[in-house]
C-alpha atoms as a PDB file:
ATOM      1  CA  UNK A   1      19.250  -1.268 -21.359  1.00  0.00           C
ATOM      2  CA  UNK A   2      20.886  -1.011 -17.948  1.00  0.00           C
ATOM      3  CA  UNK A   3      18.524   1.848 -17.072  1.00  0.00           C
ATOM      4  CA  UNK A   4      15.586  -0.385 -18.015  1.00  0.00           C
ATOM      5  CA  UNK A   5      16.871  -3.006 -15.586  1.00  0.00           C
ATOM      6  CA  UNK A   6      17.187  -0.426 -12.790  1.00  0.00           C
ATOM      7  CA  UNK A   7      13.683   0.887 -13.480  1.00  0.00           C
ATOM      8  CA  UNK A   8      12.134  -2.561 -13.669  1.00  0.00           C
ATOM      9  CA  UNK A   9      13.795  -3.589 -10.407  1.00  0.00           C
ATOM     10  CA  UNK A  10      12.581  -0.447  -8.644  1.00  0.00           C
ATOM     11  CA  UNK A  11       9.072  -0.732 -10.070  1.00  0.00           C
ATOM     12  CA  UNK A  12       8.722  -4.345  -9.042  1.00  0.00           C
ATOM     13  CA  UNK A  13       9.993  -3.534  -5.560  1.00  0.00           C
ATOM     14  CA  UNK A  14       7.433  -0.726  -5.371  1.00  0.00           C
ATOM     15  CA  UNK A  15       4.666  -2.981  -6.594  1.00  0.00           C
ATOM     16  CA  UNK A  16       5.745  -5.581  -4.013  1.00  0.00           C
ATOM     17  CA  UNK A  17       4.316  -8.272  -6.248  1.00  0.00           C
ATOM     18  CA  UNK A  18       6.982 -10.515  -7.709  1.00  0.00           C
ATOM     19  CA  UNK A  19      10.732 -10.851  -8.031  1.00  0.00           C
ATOM     20  CA  UNK A  20      12.162  -9.223 -11.155  1.00  0.00           C
ATOM     21  CA  UNK A  21      12.473 -11.742 -13.931  1.00  0.00           C
ATOM     22  CA  UNK A  22      11.893 -10.791 -17.530  1.00  0.00           C
ATOM     23  CA  UNK A  23       9.321  -8.009 -17.163  1.00  0.00           C
ATOM     24  CA  UNK A  24       7.628  -6.430 -20.174  1.00  0.00           C
ATOM     25  CA  UNK A  25       9.124  -2.973 -20.732  1.00  0.00           C
ATOM     26  CA  UNK A  26       9.189  -0.327 -23.457  1.00  0.00           C
ATOM     27  CA  UNK A  27      11.555   2.499 -24.269  1.00  0.00           C
ATOM     28  CA  UNK A  28       8.631   4.840 -25.007  1.00  0.00           C
ATOM     29  CA  UNK A  29       5.081   4.951 -23.643  1.00  0.00           C
ATOM     30  CA  UNK A  30       2.722   2.604 -25.493  1.00  0.00           C
ATOM     31  CA  UNK A  31      -0.479   3.806 -23.802  1.00  0.00           C
ATOM     32  CA  UNK A  32      -1.254   7.405 -24.702  1.00  0.00           C
ATOM     33  CA  UNK A  33      -4.089   9.672 -23.555  1.00  0.00           C
ATOM     34  CA  UNK A  34      -6.249   8.445 -26.452  1.00  0.00           C
ATOM     35  CA  UNK A  35      -6.350   4.902 -24.970  1.00  0.00           C
ATOM     36  CA  UNK A  36      -6.518   5.949 -21.310  1.00  0.00           C
ATOM     37  CA  UNK A  37      -9.243   4.546 -19.080  1.00  0.00           C
ATOM     38  CA  UNK A  38      -9.626   4.991 -15.326  1.00  0.00           C
ATOM     39  CA  UNK A  39     -10.719   1.746 -13.658  1.00  0.00           C
ATOM     40  CA  UNK A  40      -9.888   2.889 -10.114  1.00  0.00           C
ATOM     41  CA  UNK A  41     -12.304   5.501  -8.842  1.00  0.00           C
ATOM     42  CA  UNK A  42     -10.874   8.320  -6.787  1.00  0.00           C
ATOM     43  CA  UNK A  43     -10.803   7.447  -3.112  1.00  0.00           C
ATOM     44  CA  UNK A  44      -8.825   5.821  -0.343  1.00  0.00           C
ATOM     45  CA  UNK A  45      -7.451   2.498  -1.532  1.00  0.00           C
ATOM     46  CA  UNK A  46      -5.606  -0.331   0.165  1.00  0.00           C
ATOM     47  CA  UNK A  47      -3.265  -2.863  -1.462  1.00  0.00           C
ATOM     48  CA  UNK A  48      -3.144  -6.357  -0.005  1.00  0.00           C
ATOM     49  CA  UNK A  49      -0.716  -9.126  -0.803  1.00  0.00           C
ATOM     50  CA  UNK A  50      -2.137 -12.622  -0.472  1.00  0.00           C
ATOM     51  CA  UNK A  51      -0.344 -15.816   0.348  1.00  0.00           C
ATOM     52  CA  UNK A  52      -2.027 -19.111   1.154  1.00  0.00           C
ATOM     53  CA  UNK A  53      -5.379 -17.333   1.291  1.00  0.00           C
ATOM     54  CA  UNK A  54      -4.212 -14.791   3.888  1.00  0.00           C
ATOM     55  CA  UNK A  55      -4.328 -11.097   2.927  1.00  0.00           C
ATOM     56  CA  UNK A  56      -1.726  -8.741   4.386  1.00  0.00           C
ATOM     57  CA  UNK A  57      -2.047  -4.952   4.114  1.00  0.00           C
ATOM     58  CA  UNK A  58       0.877  -3.548   2.117  1.00  0.00           C
ATOM     59  CA  UNK A  59      -0.240   0.044   1.451  1.00  0.00           C
ATOM     60  CA  UNK A  60      -3.114   2.440   2.102  1.00  0.00           C
ATOM     61  CA  UNK A  61      -3.679   5.974   0.814  1.00  0.00           C
ATOM     62  CA  UNK A  62      -5.699   8.404  -1.275  1.00  0.00           C
ATOM     63  CA  UNK A  63      -5.796   7.930  -5.041  1.00  0.00           C
ATOM     64  CA  UNK A  64      -6.712  10.641  -7.545  1.00  0.00           C
ATOM     65  CA  UNK A  65      -6.512  11.208 -11.287  1.00  0.00           C
ATOM     66  CA  UNK A  66      -4.436  14.273 -12.184  1.00  0.00           C
ATOM     67  CA  UNK A  67      -3.508  15.185 -15.762  1.00  0.00           C
ATOM     68  CA  UNK A  68      -4.712  11.809 -17.036  1.00  0.00           C
ATOM     69  CA  UNK A  69      -2.649   9.624 -14.687  1.00  0.00           C
ATOM     70  CA  UNK A  70      -3.087   8.218 -11.189  1.00  0.00           C
ATOM     71  CA  UNK A  71      -1.398   9.877  -8.229  1.00  0.00           C
ATOM     72  CA  UNK A  72      -1.481   9.501  -4.473  1.00  0.00           C
ATOM     73  CA  UNK A  73       1.058  11.680  -2.736  1.00  0.00           C
ATOM     74  CA  UNK A  74       1.780   8.735  -0.424  1.00  0.00           C
ATOM     75  CA  UNK A  75       5.012   6.740  -0.644  1.00  0.00           C
ATOM     76  CA  UNK A  76       4.934   3.307  -2.269  1.00  0.00           C
ATOM     77  CA  UNK A  77       1.764   3.819  -4.336  1.00  0.00           C
ATOM     78  CA  UNK A  78       2.172   1.118  -6.984  1.00  0.00           C
ATOM     79  CA  UNK A  79       0.408   3.120  -9.684  1.00  0.00           C
ATOM     80  CA  UNK A  80       1.979   6.573  -9.200  1.00  0.00           C
ATOM     81  CA  UNK A  81       1.913   8.199 -12.641  1.00  0.00           C
ATOM     82  CA  UNK A  82       0.346   5.106 -14.208  1.00  0.00           C
ATOM     83  CA  UNK A  83      -1.988   5.191 -17.166  1.00  0.00           C
ATOM     84  CA  UNK A  84      -4.312   2.279 -17.960  1.00  0.00           C
ATOM     85  CA  UNK A  85      -5.737   0.856 -21.182  1.00  0.00           C
ATOM     86  CA  UNK A  86      -8.538  -1.708 -21.308  1.00  0.00           C
ATOM     87  CA  UNK A  87      -7.205  -4.938 -22.804  1.00  0.00           C
ATOM     88  CA  UNK A  88     -10.687  -6.479 -22.727  1.00  0.00           C
ATOM     89  CA  UNK A  89     -13.709  -6.049 -20.495  1.00  0.00           C
ATOM     90  CA  UNK A  90     -12.549  -5.948 -16.882  1.00  0.00           C
ATOM     91  CA  UNK A  91      -8.849  -6.454 -17.711  1.00  0.00           C
ATOM     92  CA  UNK A  92      -6.497  -3.491 -17.840  1.00  0.00           C
ATOM     93  CA  UNK A  93      -2.846  -2.945 -18.707  1.00  0.00           C
ATOM     94  CA  UNK A  94      -1.093  -0.435 -16.444  1.00  0.00           C
ATOM     95  CA  UNK A  95       1.790   1.542 -17.890  1.00  0.00           C
ATOM     96  CA  UNK A  96       4.205   2.541 -15.122  1.00  0.00           C
ATOM     97  CA  UNK A  97       6.433   5.544 -15.894  1.00  0.00           C
ATOM     98  CA  UNK A  98      10.168   5.720 -15.293  1.00  0.00           C
ATOM     99  CA  UNK A  99      11.275   6.797 -11.849  1.00  0.00           C
ATOM    100  CA  UNK A 100      11.374  10.595 -11.384  1.00  0.00           C
ATOM    101  CA  UNK A 101      14.627  11.981 -12.748  1.00  0.00           C
ATOM    102  CA  UNK A 102      15.317   8.881 -14.858  1.00  0.00           C
ATOM    103  CA  UNK A 103      13.273   9.538 -18.000  1.00  0.00           C
ATOM    104  CA  UNK A 104      15.584   7.359 -20.095  1.00  0.00           C
ATOM    105  CA  UNK A 105      14.713   4.288 -18.002  1.00  0.00           C
ATOM    106  CA  UNK A 106      11.601   3.274 -19.905  1.00  0.00           C
ATOM    107  CA  UNK A 107       8.137   2.080 -18.949  1.00  0.00           C
ATOM    108  CA  UNK A 108       7.049  -1.156 -17.272  1.00  0.00           C
ATOM    109  CA  UNK A 109       3.668  -2.898 -17.579  1.00  0.00           C
ATOM    110  CA  UNK A 110       1.405  -4.741 -15.169  1.00  0.00           C
ATOM    111  CA  UNK A 111      -2.126  -6.139 -15.293  1.00  0.00           C
ATOM    112  CA  UNK A 112      -5.183  -5.149 -13.274  1.00  0.00           C
ATOM    113  CA  UNK A 113      -8.314  -7.313 -13.080  1.00  0.00           C
ATOM    114  CA  UNK A 114     -11.788  -6.158 -12.015  1.00  0.00           C
ATOM    115  CA  UNK A 115     -13.001  -8.832  -9.587  1.00  0.00           C
ATOM    116  CA  UNK A 116     -16.657  -9.719  -8.909  1.00  0.00           C
ATOM    117  CA  UNK A 117     -16.431  -8.402  -5.319  1.00  0.00           C
ATOM    118  CA  UNK A 118     -15.444  -4.903  -6.496  1.00  0.00           C
ATOM    119  CA  UNK A 119     -11.752  -5.352  -5.715  1.00  0.00           C
ATOM    120  CA  UNK A 120      -9.001  -5.376  -8.334  1.00  0.00           C
ATOM    121  CA  UNK A 121      -6.470  -8.195  -8.639  1.00  0.00           C
ATOM    122  CA  UNK A 122      -3.048  -7.475 -10.085  1.00  0.00           C
ATOM    123  CA  UNK A 123      -0.106  -9.264 -11.653  1.00  0.00           C
ATOM    124  CA  UNK A 124       3.127  -8.476 -13.509  1.00  0.00           C
ATOM    125  CA  UNK A 125       3.587 -10.219 -16.860  1.00  0.00           C
ATOM    126  CA  UNK A 126       6.898 -12.067 -16.730  1.00  0.00           C
ATOM    127  CA  UNK A 127       8.208 -12.654 -20.229  1.00  0.00           C
ATOM    128  CA  UNK A 128      10.152 -15.820 -19.439  1.00  0.00           C
ATOM    129  CA  UNK A 129       6.896 -17.403 -18.190  1.00  0.00           C
ATOM    130  CA  UNK A 130       5.601 -17.210 -21.764  1.00  0.00           C
ATOM    131  CA  UNK A 131       6.584 -20.380 -23.663  1.00  0.00           C
ATOM    132  CA  UNK A 132       9.477 -19.742 -26.080  1.00  0.00           C
ATOM    133  CA  UNK A 133       7.411 -20.769 -29.117  1.00  0.00           C
ATOM    134  CA  UNK A 134       4.698 -18.282 -28.136  1.00  0.00           C
ATOM    135  CA  UNK A 135       7.268 -15.502 -27.596  1.00  0.00           C
ATOM    136  CA  UNK A 136       8.633 -16.206 -31.059  1.00  0.00           C
ATOM    137  CA  UNK A 137       5.125 -16.185 -32.573  1.00  0.00           C
ATOM    138  CA  UNK A 138       4.301 -12.745 -31.133  1.00  0.00           C
ATOM    139  CA  UNK A 139       7.762 -11.342 -31.836  1.00  0.00           C
ATOM    140  CA  UNK A 140       9.279 -10.788 -28.396  1.00  0.00           C
ATOM    141  CA  UNK A 141      12.469 -12.199 -26.941  1.00  0.00           C
ATOM    142  CA  UNK A 142      14.371 -11.997 -23.686  1.00  0.00           C
ATOM    143  CA  UNK A 143      17.303  -9.624 -24.076  1.00  0.00           C
ATOM    144  CA  UNK A 144      20.668  -9.817 -22.299  1.00  0.00           C
ATOM    145  CA  UNK A 145      19.084  -8.163 -19.232  1.00  0.00           C
ATOM    146  CA  UNK A 146      16.298 -10.805 -19.061  1.00  0.00           C
ATOM    147  CA  UNK A 147      13.701  -8.228 -20.094  1.00  0.00           C
ATOM    148  CA  UNK A 148      11.338  -8.257 -23.047  1.00  0.00           C
ATOM    149  CA  UNK A 149      11.369  -4.866 -24.735  1.00  0.00           C
ATOM    150  CA  UNK A 150       8.016  -4.249 -26.419  1.00  0.00           C
ATOM    151  CA  UNK A 151       7.752  -1.764 -29.281  1.00  0.00           C
ATOM    152  CA  UNK A 152       4.008  -1.383 -29.897  1.00  0.00           C
ATOM    153  CA  UNK A 153       0.677  -1.685 -28.116  1.00  0.00           C
ATOM    154  CA  UNK A 154      -0.557  -4.678 -30.123  1.00  0.00           C
ATOM    155  CA  UNK A 155       2.543  -6.697 -29.197  1.00  0.00           C
ATOM    156  CA  UNK A 156       2.104  -5.636 -25.557  1.00  0.00           C
ATOM    157  CA  UNK A 157      -1.452  -7.013 -25.550  1.00  0.00           C
ATOM    158  CA  UNK A 158      -0.346 -10.231 -27.271  1.00  0.00           C
ATOM    159  CA  UNK A 159       2.446 -10.737 -24.713  1.00  0.00           C
ATOM    160  CA  UNK A 160       0.098 -10.035 -21.784  1.00  0.00           C
ATOM    161  CA  UNK A 161      -2.474 -12.504 -23.135  1.00  0.00           C
ATOM    162  CA  UNK A 162       0.222 -15.147 -23.665  1.00  0.00           C
ATOM    163  CA  UNK A 163       1.408 -14.607 -20.076  1.00  0.00           C
ATOM    164  CA  UNK A 164      -2.166 -14.993 -18.793  1.00  0.00           C
ATOM    165  CA  UNK A 165      -2.616 -18.257 -20.693  1.00  0.00           C
ATOM    166  CA  UNK A 166       0.670 -19.629 -19.341  1.00  0.00           C
ATOM    167  CA  UNK A 167      -0.240 -18.616 -15.772  1.00  0.00           C
ATOM    168  CA  UNK A 168      -3.731 -20.155 -15.959  1.00  0.00           C
ATOM    169  CA  UNK A 169      -2.086 -23.418 -16.949  1.00  0.00           C
ATOM    170  CA  UNK A 170       0.676 -23.204 -14.313  1.00  0.00           C
ATOM    171  CA  UNK A 171      -1.518 -21.949 -11.462  1.00  0.00           C
ATOM    172  CA  UNK A 172      -4.493 -24.119 -12.289  1.00  0.00           C
ATOM    173  CA  UNK A 173      -6.800 -21.183 -12.944  1.00  0.00           C
ATOM    174  CA  UNK A 174      -6.999 -17.459 -12.331  1.00  0.00           C
ATOM    175  CA  UNK A 175      -4.921 -16.434  -9.295  1.00  0.00           C
ATOM    176  CA  UNK A 176      -3.314 -13.052  -8.554  1.00  0.00           C
ATOM    177  CA  UNK A 177      -0.677 -12.301  -5.904  1.00  0.00           C
ATOM    178  CA  UNK A 178      -2.827  -9.621  -4.286  1.00  0.00           C
ATOM    179  CA  UNK A 179      -5.625  -7.130  -4.706  1.00  0.00           C
ATOM    180  CA  UNK A 180      -6.655  -3.494  -4.318  1.00  0.00           C
ATOM    181  CA  UNK A 181      -9.743  -2.557  -2.310  1.00  0.00           C
ATOM    182  CA  UNK A 182     -11.584   0.779  -2.271  1.00  0.00           C
ATOM    183  CA  UNK A 183     -12.042   1.769   1.366  1.00  0.00           C
ATOM    184  CA  UNK A 184     -13.645   5.179   0.905  1.00  0.00           C
ATOM    185  CA  UNK A 185     -14.801   7.075  -2.188  1.00  0.00           C
ATOM    186  CA  UNK A 186     -13.753  10.722  -2.459  1.00  0.00           C
END
């Protein structure tokens, strides 16, 4: 699992969203081409991090779909090689691949939310934020590396939904640490 820890740490740093703490990961991809959806249209996108209502530009670049996954060609694109599945209307799970050259590292998962203004909010499900009783109910547990290794898509969805419920309660409603904005369609 050490490679999963390295991957999760690198992915979170690349996403620039949250500190690593109990991310949802899998040893094999759980979102295949048969589930793939493409919520981000091809174009020039910008990623903003928000704090205290102030948005700060973190990344800008072109985004395309190639071979069923997102790609940019620009450094620090949070969704390089990612494939999405629709969890429910307007809510997507992103599957982030292992870093290039480290195929044994595993996959990490994040959430993407279609917002009313056309932007997309994002978040990383943190397993330890899910109440212990709920983790036990859905069949996931923190391992020795403080990660939750997920083995199937249904459990991934259940863990993501449990994280959302815990965050709504903790944050007092729906809040994401940042958003993506389409600046120019291709």
